[in-house]
Every structure is written in structure tokens, then in C-alpha cells.
Full PDB file with SEQRES, HELIX, SHEET, SSBOND, CRYST1, ORIGX, SCALE, CONECT and MASTER records, all heavy atoms in Angstrom:
SEQRES   1 A   32  THR LEU PRO LEU PHE PHE ASP GLU GLY ASP GLU LEU GLU          
SEQRES   2 A   32  ASP GLU ASP GLY GLU LEU THR GLY VAL THR VAL ASN GLU          
SEQRES   3 A   32  ALA PRO ASP ASP ASN ASP                                      
HELIX    1 AA1 LEU A    2  PHE A    5  5                                   4    
SHEET    1 AA1 2 GLU A  11  GLU A  13  0                                        
SHEET    2 AA1 2 LEU A  19  THR A  23 -1                                        
CRYST1    1.000    1.000    1.000  90.00  90.00  90.00 P 1           1          
ORIGX1      1.000000  0.000000  0.000000        0.00000                         
ORIGX2      0.000000  1.000000  0.000000        0.00000                         
ORIGX3      0.000000  0.000000  1.000000        0.00000                         
SCALE1      1.000000  0.000000  0.000000        0.00000                         
SCALE2      0.000000  1.000000  0.000000        0.00000                         
SCALE3      0.000000  0.000000  1.000000        0.00000                         
ATOM      1  N   THR A   1       7.442 -10.708  -2.461  1.00  0.00           N  
ATOM      2  CA  THR A   1       8.175  -9.440  -2.470  1.00  0.00           C  
ATOM      3  C   THR A   1       7.238  -8.238  -2.518  1.00  0.00           C  
ATOM      4  O   THR A   1       7.696  -7.105  -2.656  1.00  0.00           O  
ATOM      5  CB  THR A   1       9.127  -9.384  -3.683  1.00  0.00           C  
ATOM      6  OG1 THR A   1       8.357  -9.538  -4.889  1.00  0.00           O  
ATOM      7  CG2 THR A   1      10.170 -10.482  -3.605  1.00  0.00           C  
ATOM      8  N   LEU A   2       5.922  -8.467  -2.403  1.00  0.00           N  
ATOM      9  CA  LEU A   2       4.973  -7.353  -2.437  1.00  0.00           C  
ATOM     10  C   LEU A   2       5.254  -6.282  -1.377  1.00  0.00           C  
ATOM     11  O   LEU A   2       5.036  -5.097  -1.634  1.00  0.00           O  
ATOM     12  CB  LEU A   2       3.544  -7.876  -2.278  1.00  0.00           C  
ATOM     13  CG  LEU A   2       2.913  -8.518  -3.508  1.00  0.00           C  
ATOM     14  CD1 LEU A   2       1.534  -9.054  -3.161  1.00  0.00           C  
ATOM     15  CD2 LEU A   2       2.815  -7.524  -4.654  1.00  0.00           C  
ATOM     16  N   PRO A   3       5.713  -6.640  -0.156  1.00  0.00           N  
ATOM     17  CA  PRO A   3       6.009  -5.584   0.817  1.00  0.00           C  
ATOM     18  C   PRO A   3       7.032  -4.564   0.336  1.00  0.00           C  
ATOM     19  O   PRO A   3       7.070  -3.434   0.859  1.00  0.00           O  
ATOM     20  CB  PRO A   3       6.536  -6.367   2.028  1.00  0.00           C  
ATOM     21  CG  PRO A   3       5.862  -7.698   1.936  1.00  0.00           C  
ATOM     22  CD  PRO A   3       5.823  -7.988   0.461  1.00  0.00           C  
ATOM     23  N   LEU A   4       7.859  -4.916  -0.663  1.00  0.00           N  
ATOM     24  CA  LEU A   4       8.833  -3.956  -1.176  1.00  0.00           C  
ATOM     25  C   LEU A   4       8.169  -2.813  -1.931  1.00  0.00           C  
ATOM     26  O   LEU A   4       8.777  -1.761  -2.129  1.00  0.00           O  
ATOM     27  CB  LEU A   4       9.823  -4.674  -2.105  1.00  0.00           C  
ATOM     28  CG  LEU A   4      10.658  -5.804  -1.478  1.00  0.00           C  
ATOM     29  CD1 LEU A   4      11.537  -6.453  -2.536  1.00  0.00           C  
ATOM     30  CD2 LEU A   4      11.506  -5.260  -0.337  1.00  0.00           C  
ATOM     31  N   PHE A   5       6.913  -3.000  -2.349  1.00  0.00           N  
ATOM     32  CA  PHE A   5       6.213  -1.983  -3.119  1.00  0.00           C  
ATOM     33  C   PHE A   5       5.391  -1.046  -2.234  1.00  0.00           C  
ATOM     34  O   PHE A   5       4.714  -0.152  -2.737  1.00  0.00           O  
ATOM     35  CB  PHE A   5       5.298  -2.642  -4.155  1.00  0.00           C  
ATOM     36  CG  PHE A   5       6.031  -3.430  -5.189  1.00  0.00           C  
ATOM     37  CD1 PHE A   5       6.270  -4.788  -5.009  1.00  0.00           C  
ATOM     38  CD2 PHE A   5       6.508  -2.821  -6.339  1.00  0.00           C  
ATOM     39  CE1 PHE A   5       6.945  -5.524  -5.966  1.00  0.00           C  
ATOM     40  CE2 PHE A   5       7.199  -3.549  -7.296  1.00  0.00           C  
ATOM     41  CZ  PHE A   5       7.419  -4.905  -7.110  1.00  0.00           C  
ATOM     42  N   PHE A   6       5.415  -1.256  -0.924  1.00  0.00           N  
ATOM     43  CA  PHE A   6       4.635  -0.448  -0.002  1.00  0.00           C  
ATOM     44  C   PHE A   6       5.526   0.057   1.127  1.00  0.00           C  
ATOM     45  O   PHE A   6       6.454  -0.625   1.548  1.00  0.00           O  
ATOM     46  CB  PHE A   6       3.491  -1.261   0.613  1.00  0.00           C  
ATOM     47  CG  PHE A   6       2.486  -1.757  -0.383  1.00  0.00           C  
ATOM     48  CD1 PHE A   6       2.688  -2.963  -1.044  1.00  0.00           C  
ATOM     49  CD2 PHE A   6       1.333  -1.038  -0.640  1.00  0.00           C  
ATOM     50  CE1 PHE A   6       1.759  -3.438  -1.946  1.00  0.00           C  
ATOM     51  CE2 PHE A   6       0.394  -1.509  -1.545  1.00  0.00           C  
ATOM     52  CZ  PHE A   6       0.606  -2.704  -2.202  1.00  0.00           C  
ATOM     53  N   ASP A   7       5.215   1.229   1.634  1.00  0.00           N  
ATOM     54  CA  ASP A   7       5.824   1.753   2.850  1.00  0.00           C  
ATOM     55  C   ASP A   7       4.736   1.918   3.896  1.00  0.00           C  
ATOM     56  O   ASP A   7       3.666   2.472   3.614  1.00  0.00           O  
ATOM     57  CB  ASP A   7       6.501   3.103   2.597  1.00  0.00           C  
ATOM     58  CG  ASP A   7       7.772   2.962   1.781  1.00  0.00           C  
ATOM     59  OD1 ASP A   7       8.464   1.950   1.958  1.00  0.00           O  
ATOM     60  OD2 ASP A   7       8.054   3.857   0.965  1.00  0.00           O  
ATOM     61  N   GLU A   8       4.993   1.426   5.086  1.00  0.00           N  
ATOM     62  CA  GLU A   8       4.016   1.552   6.154  1.00  0.00           C  
ATOM     63  C   GLU A   8       3.692   3.023   6.404  1.00  0.00           C  
ATOM     64  O   GLU A   8       4.583   3.864   6.506  1.00  0.00           O  
ATOM     65  CB  GLU A   8       4.556   0.901   7.431  1.00  0.00           C  
ATOM     66  CG  GLU A   8       3.571   0.876   8.571  1.00  0.00           C  
ATOM     67  CD  GLU A   8       4.109   0.144   9.783  1.00  0.00           C  
ATOM     68  OE1 GLU A   8       4.960  -0.749   9.595  1.00  0.00           O  
ATOM     69  OE2 GLU A   8       3.681   0.474  10.898  1.00  0.00           O  
ATOM     70  N   GLY A   9       2.422   3.336   6.463  1.00  0.00           N  
ATOM     71  CA  GLY A   9       1.979   4.711   6.682  1.00  0.00           C  
ATOM     72  C   GLY A   9       1.660   5.465   5.411  1.00  0.00           C  
ATOM     73  O   GLY A   9       1.125   6.582   5.470  1.00  0.00           O  
ATOM     74  N   ASP A  10       1.967   4.879   4.244  1.00  0.00           N  
ATOM     75  CA  ASP A  10       1.646   5.538   2.979  1.00  0.00           C  
ATOM     76  C   ASP A  10       0.145   5.490   2.720  1.00  0.00           C  
ATOM     77  O   ASP A  10      -0.505   4.465   2.954  1.00  0.00           O  
ATOM     78  CB  ASP A  10       2.374   4.859   1.820  1.00  0.00           C  
ATOM     79  CG  ASP A  10       3.828   5.263   1.740  1.00  0.00           C  
ATOM     80  OD1 ASP A  10       4.244   6.130   2.528  1.00  0.00           O  
ATOM     81  OD2 ASP A  10       4.553   4.694   0.899  1.00  0.00           O  
ATOM     82  N   GLU A  11      -0.394   6.590   2.208  1.00  0.00           N  
ATOM     83  CA  GLU A  11      -1.791   6.613   1.792  1.00  0.00           C  
ATOM     84  C   GLU A  11      -1.851   6.288   0.305  1.00  0.00           C  
ATOM     85  O   GLU A  11      -1.143   6.884  -0.512  1.00  0.00           O  
ATOM     86  CB  GLU A  11      -2.427   7.977   2.059  1.00  0.00           C  
ATOM     87  CG  GLU A  11      -3.908   8.007   1.731  1.00  0.00           C  
ATOM     88  CD  GLU A  11      -4.581   9.307   2.163  1.00  0.00           C  
ATOM     89  OE1 GLU A  11      -3.925  10.120   2.842  1.00  0.00           O  
ATOM     90  OE2 GLU A  11      -5.766   9.501   1.817  1.00  0.00           O  
ATOM     91  N   LEU A  12      -2.680   5.336  -0.041  1.00  0.00           N  
ATOM     92  CA  LEU A  12      -2.754   4.863  -1.413  1.00  0.00           C  
ATOM     93  C   LEU A  12      -3.437   5.887  -2.310  1.00  0.00           C  
ATOM     94  O   LEU A  12      -4.272   6.676  -1.863  1.00  0.00           O  
ATOM     95  CB  LEU A  12      -3.514   3.542  -1.476  1.00  0.00           C  
ATOM     96  CG  LEU A  12      -2.926   2.398  -0.643  1.00  0.00           C  
ATOM     97  CD1 LEU A  12      -3.812   1.169  -0.729  1.00  0.00           C  
ATOM     98  CD2 LEU A  12      -1.511   2.071  -1.099  1.00  0.00           C  
ATOM     99  N   GLU A  13      -3.053   5.841  -3.585  1.00  0.00           N  
ATOM    100  CA  GLU A  13      -3.644   6.723  -4.578  1.00  0.00           C  
ATOM    101  C   GLU A  13      -4.434   5.906  -5.588  1.00  0.00           C  
ATOM    102  O   GLU A  13      -4.146   4.728  -5.815  1.00  0.00           O  
ATOM    103  CB  GLU A  13      -2.552   7.513  -5.307  1.00  0.00           C  
ATOM    104  CG  GLU A  13      -1.737   8.427  -4.403  1.00  0.00           C  
ATOM    105  CD  GLU A  13      -0.659   9.168  -5.173  1.00  0.00           C  
ATOM    106  OE1 GLU A  13      -0.475   8.853  -6.372  1.00  0.00           O  
ATOM    107  OE2 GLU A  13       0.003  10.040  -4.589  1.00  0.00           O  
ATOM    108  N   ASP A  14      -5.440   6.530  -6.213  1.00  0.00           N  
ATOM    109  CA  ASP A  14      -6.187   5.843  -7.251  1.00  0.00           C  
ATOM    110  C   ASP A  14      -5.497   6.027  -8.594  1.00  0.00           C  
ATOM    111  O   ASP A  14      -4.389   6.579  -8.681  1.00  0.00           O  
ATOM    112  CB  ASP A  14      -7.643   6.322  -7.297  1.00  0.00           C  
ATOM    113  CG  ASP A  14      -7.766   7.807  -7.619  1.00  0.00           C  
ATOM    114  OD1 ASP A  14      -6.799   8.409  -8.146  1.00  0.00           O  
ATOM    115  OD2 ASP A  14      -8.839   8.381  -7.338  1.00  0.00           O  
ATOM    116  N   GLU A  15      -6.152   5.560  -9.666  1.00  0.00           N  
ATOM    117  CA  GLU A  15      -5.536   5.604 -10.989  1.00  0.00           C  
ATOM    118  C   GLU A  15      -5.282   7.030 -11.467  1.00  0.00           C  
ATOM    119  O   GLU A  15      -4.421   7.259 -12.315  1.00  0.00           O  
ATOM    120  CB  GLU A  15      -6.425   4.866 -11.989  1.00  0.00           C  
ATOM    121  CG  GLU A  15      -6.561   3.384 -11.686  1.00  0.00           C  
ATOM    122  CD  GLU A  15      -7.521   2.692 -12.634  1.00  0.00           C  
ATOM    123  OE1 GLU A  15      -8.130   3.391 -13.459  1.00  0.00           O  
ATOM    124  OE2 GLU A  15      -7.653   1.453 -12.548  1.00  0.00           O  
ATOM    125  N   ASP A  16      -6.029   7.985 -10.918  1.00  0.00           N  
ATOM    126  CA  ASP A  16      -5.858   9.383 -11.315  1.00  0.00           C  
ATOM    127  C   ASP A  16      -4.909  10.146 -10.404  1.00  0.00           C  
ATOM    128  O   ASP A  16      -4.768  11.370 -10.531  1.00  0.00           O  
ATOM    129  CB  ASP A  16      -7.225  10.080 -11.323  1.00  0.00           C  
ATOM    130  CG  ASP A  16      -8.189   9.440 -12.309  1.00  0.00           C  
ATOM    131  OD1 ASP A  16      -7.726   9.027 -13.380  1.00  0.00           O  
ATOM    132  OD2 ASP A  16      -9.393   9.358 -11.989  1.00  0.00           O  
ATOM    133  N   GLY A  17      -4.280   9.428  -9.471  1.00  0.00           N  
ATOM    134  CA  GLY A  17      -3.338  10.078  -8.570  1.00  0.00           C  
ATOM    135  C   GLY A  17      -3.983  10.737  -7.368  1.00  0.00           C  
ATOM    136  O   GLY A  17      -3.305  11.427  -6.602  1.00  0.00           O  
ATOM    137  N   GLU A  18      -5.284  10.530  -7.158  1.00  0.00           N  
ATOM    138  CA  GLU A  18      -5.979  11.118  -6.018  1.00  0.00           C  
ATOM    139  C   GLU A  18      -5.840  10.205  -4.803  1.00  0.00           C  
ATOM    140  O   GLU A  18      -5.874   8.974  -4.915  1.00  0.00           O  
ATOM    141  CB  GLU A  18      -7.458  11.321  -6.344  1.00  0.00           C  
ATOM    142  CG  GLU A  18      -7.717  12.244  -7.520  1.00  0.00           C  
ATOM    143  CD  GLU A  18      -7.327  13.681  -7.219  1.00  0.00           C  
ATOM    144  OE1 GLU A  18      -7.396  14.076  -6.029  1.00  0.00           O  
ATOM    145  OE2 GLU A  18      -6.956  14.400  -8.160  1.00  0.00           O  
ATOM    146  N   LEU A  19      -5.707  10.815  -3.602  1.00  0.00           N  
ATOM    147  CA  LEU A  19      -5.611  10.036  -2.380  1.00  0.00           C  
ATOM    148  C   LEU A  19      -6.937   9.345  -2.087  1.00  0.00           C  
ATOM    149  O   LEU A  19      -8.010   9.916  -2.296  1.00  0.00           O  
ATOM    150  CB  LEU A  19      -5.214  10.940  -1.209  1.00  0.00           C  
ATOM    151  CG  LEU A  19      -3.812  11.561  -1.301  1.00  0.00           C  
ATOM    152  CD1 LEU A  19      -3.573  12.498  -0.124  1.00  0.00           C  
ATOM    153  CD2 LEU A  19      -2.737  10.472  -1.339  1.00  0.00           C  
ATOM    154  N   THR A  20      -6.862   8.115  -1.607  1.00  0.00           N  
ATOM    155  CA  THR A  20      -8.064   7.298  -1.419  1.00  0.00           C  
ATOM    156  C   THR A  20      -8.568   7.249   0.014  1.00  0.00           C  
ATOM    157  O   THR A  20      -9.660   6.735   0.261  1.00  0.00           O  
ATOM    158  CB  THR A  20      -7.779   5.864  -1.867  1.00  0.00           C  
ATOM    159  OG1 THR A  20      -6.743   5.309  -1.036  1.00  0.00           O  
ATOM    160  CG2 THR A  20      -7.359   5.829  -3.332  1.00  0.00           C  
ATOM    161  N   GLY A  21      -7.774   7.722   0.962  1.00  0.00           N  
ATOM    162  CA  GLY A  21      -8.163   7.595   2.361  1.00  0.00           C  
ATOM    163  C   GLY A  21      -7.835   6.237   2.949  1.00  0.00           C  
ATOM    164  O   GLY A  21      -8.244   5.922   4.071  1.00  0.00           O  
ATOM    165  N   VAL A  22      -7.077   5.427   2.214  1.00  0.00           N  
ATOM    166  CA  VAL A  22      -6.657   4.104   2.683  1.00  0.00           C  
ATOM    167  C   VAL A  22      -5.159   4.141   2.944  1.00  0.00           C  
ATOM    168  O   VAL A  22      -4.372   4.428   2.033  1.00  0.00           O  
ATOM    169  CB  VAL A  22      -6.989   3.005   1.663  1.00  0.00           C  
ATOM    170  CG1 VAL A  22      -6.530   1.646   2.184  1.00  0.00           C  
ATOM    171  CG2 VAL A  22      -8.483   2.984   1.354  1.00  0.00           C  
ATOM    172  N   THR A  23      -4.775   3.857   4.167  1.00  0.00           N  
ATOM    173  CA  THR A  23      -3.370   3.901   4.571  1.00  0.00           C  
ATOM    174  C   THR A  23      -2.865   2.491   4.848  1.00  0.00           C  
ATOM    175  O   THR A  23      -3.561   1.687   5.473  1.00  0.00           O  
ATOM    176  CB  THR A  23      -3.199   4.763   5.835  1.00  0.00           C  
ATOM    177  OG1 THR A  23      -3.680   6.084   5.567  1.00  0.00           O  
ATOM    178  CG2 THR A  23      -1.735   4.842   6.247  1.00  0.00           C  
ATOM    179  N   VAL A  24      -1.663   2.213   4.381  1.00  0.00           N  
ATOM    180  CA  VAL A  24      -1.066   0.890   4.577  1.00  0.00           C  
ATOM    181  C   VAL A  24      -0.544   0.772   6.002  1.00  0.00           C  
ATOM    182  O   VAL A  24       0.338   1.524   6.413  1.00  0.00           O  
ATOM    183  CB  VAL A  24       0.077   0.645   3.579  1.00  0.00           C  
ATOM    184  CG1 VAL A  24       0.742  -0.700   3.850  1.00  0.00           C  
ATOM    185  CG2 VAL A  24      -0.424   0.720   2.151  1.00  0.00           C  
ATOM    186  N   ASN A  25      -1.105  -0.163   6.745  1.00  0.00           N  
ATOM    187  CA  ASN A  25      -0.573  -0.500   8.063  1.00  0.00           C  
ATOM    188  C   ASN A  25       0.398  -1.677   7.982  1.00  0.00           C  
ATOM    189  O   ASN A  25       1.430  -1.692   8.643  1.00  0.00           O  
ATOM    190  CB  ASN A  25      -1.707  -0.854   9.027  1.00  0.00           C  
ATOM    191  CG  ASN A  25      -2.531   0.353   9.423  1.00  0.00           C  
ATOM    192  OD1 ASN A  25      -2.114   1.494   9.247  1.00  0.00           O  
ATOM    193  ND2 ASN A  25      -3.724   0.107   9.947  1.00  0.00           N  
ATOM    194  N   GLU A  26       0.024  -2.663   7.177  1.00  0.00           N  
ATOM    195  CA  GLU A  26       0.868  -3.832   6.949  1.00  0.00           C  
ATOM    196  C   GLU A  26       0.703  -4.235   5.491  1.00  0.00           C  
ATOM    197  O   GLU A  26      -0.410  -4.526   5.046  1.00  0.00           O  
ATOM    198  CB  GLU A  26       0.483  -4.986   7.870  1.00  0.00           C  
ATOM    199  CG  GLU A  26       1.387  -6.199   7.736  1.00  0.00           C  
ATOM    200  CD  GLU A  26       1.032  -7.297   8.728  1.00  0.00           C  
ATOM    201  OE1 GLU A  26       0.028  -7.144   9.441  1.00  0.00           O  
ATOM    202  OE2 GLU A  26       1.757  -8.307   8.772  1.00  0.00           O  
ATOM    203  N   ALA A  27       1.781  -4.224   4.751  1.00  0.00           N  
ATOM    204  CA  ALA A  27       1.708  -4.505   3.316  1.00  0.00           C  
ATOM    205  C   ALA A  27       1.180  -5.910   3.066  1.00  0.00           C  
ATOM    206  O   ALA A  27       1.426  -6.826   3.850  1.00  0.00           O  
ATOM    207  CB  ALA A  27       3.086  -4.355   2.678  1.00  0.00           C  
ATOM    208  N   PRO A  28       0.433  -6.093   1.966  1.00  0.00           N  
ATOM    209  CA  PRO A  28      -0.008  -7.447   1.620  1.00  0.00           C  
ATOM    210  C   PRO A  28       1.197  -8.362   1.457  1.00  0.00           C  
ATOM    211  O   PRO A  28       2.164  -8.021   0.781  1.00  0.00           O  
ATOM    212  CB  PRO A  28      -0.766  -7.248   0.308  1.00  0.00           C  
ATOM    213  CG  PRO A  28      -0.313  -5.931  -0.224  1.00  0.00           C  
ATOM    214  CD  PRO A  28       0.012  -5.098   0.966  1.00  0.00           C  
ATOM    215  N   ASP A  29       1.123  -9.530   2.073  1.00  0.00           N  
ATOM    216  CA  ASP A  29       2.285 -10.414   2.128  1.00  0.00           C  
ATOM    217  C   ASP A  29       1.800 -11.855   2.150  1.00  0.00           C  
ATOM    218  O   ASP A  29       0.696 -12.156   2.610  1.00  0.00           O  
ATOM    219  CB  ASP A  29       3.092 -10.114   3.397  1.00  0.00           C  
ATOM    220  CG  ASP A  29       4.474 -10.746   3.367  1.00  0.00           C  
ATOM    221  OD1 ASP A  29       4.863 -11.293   2.320  1.00  0.00           O  
ATOM    222  OD2 ASP A  29       5.160 -10.704   4.413  1.00  0.00           O  
ATOM    223  N   ASP A  30       2.621 -12.747   1.632  1.00  0.00           N  
ATOM    224  CA  ASP A  30       2.312 -14.170   1.706  1.00  0.00           C  
ATOM    225  C   ASP A  30       3.603 -14.969   1.724  1.00  0.00           C  
ATOM    226  O   ASP A  30       4.661 -14.481   1.320  1.00  0.00           O  
ATOM    227  CB  ASP A  30       1.403 -14.624   0.559  1.00  0.00           C  
ATOM    228  CG  ASP A  30       2.009 -14.421  -0.821  1.00  0.00           C  
ATOM    229  OD1 ASP A  30       3.092 -14.993  -1.095  1.00  0.00           O  
ATOM    230  OD2 ASP A  30       1.411 -13.715  -1.642  1.00  0.00           O  
ATOM    231  N   ASN A  31       3.512 -16.187   2.206  1.00  0.00           N  
ATOM    232  CA  ASN A  31       4.636 -17.108   2.196  1.00  0.00           C  
ATOM    233  C   ASN A  31       4.088 -18.525   2.138  1.00  0.00           C  
ATOM    234  O   ASN A  31       2.910 -18.775   2.457  1.00  0.00           O  
ATOM    235  CB  ASN A  31       5.553 -16.903   3.414  1.00  0.00           C  
ATOM    236  CG  ASN A  31       4.814 -17.125   4.721  1.00  0.00           C  
ATOM    237  OD1 ASN A  31       4.561 -18.256   5.129  1.00  0.00           O  
ATOM    238  ND2 ASN A  31       4.449 -16.035   5.393  1.00  0.00           N  
ATOM    239  N   ASP A  32       4.906 -19.466   1.739  1.00  0.00           N  
ATOM    240  CA  ASP A  32       4.487 -20.864   1.692  1.00  0.00           C  
ATOM    241  C   ASP A  32       5.703 -21.771   1.783  1.00  0.00           C  
ATOM    242  O   ASP A  32       6.847 -21.342   1.548  1.00  0.00           O  
ATOM    243  CB  ASP A  32       3.679 -21.167   0.424  1.00  0.00           C  
ATOM    244  CG  ASP A  32       4.392 -20.782  -0.861  1.00  0.00           C  
ATOM    245  OD1 ASP A  32       5.481 -21.335  -1.125  1.00  0.00           O  
ATOM    246  OD2 ASP A  32       3.877 -19.931  -1.595  1.00  0.00           O  
TER     247      ASP A  32                                                      
MASTER        0    0    0    1    2    0    0    6  246    1    0    3          
END                                                                             
């Protein structure tokens, strides 16, 4: 369910709320 915590195109923030320059293209996901 990790993809529910990300929106494609969102730029990630660090612990202090600053933008990191890393944008989510495809949320981390797994299946088995």
C-alpha cells in the first residue's frame, strides 16, 4: 500500500520540510 502515500509528480521533502530536488515518478511498490 506504499503507493497510497505518494502522488506522482510530488517533490519529496526532508525532515525539516525543505524540498530535496527528488520527484516521485513511480511510487515504491512491491507484490508477491
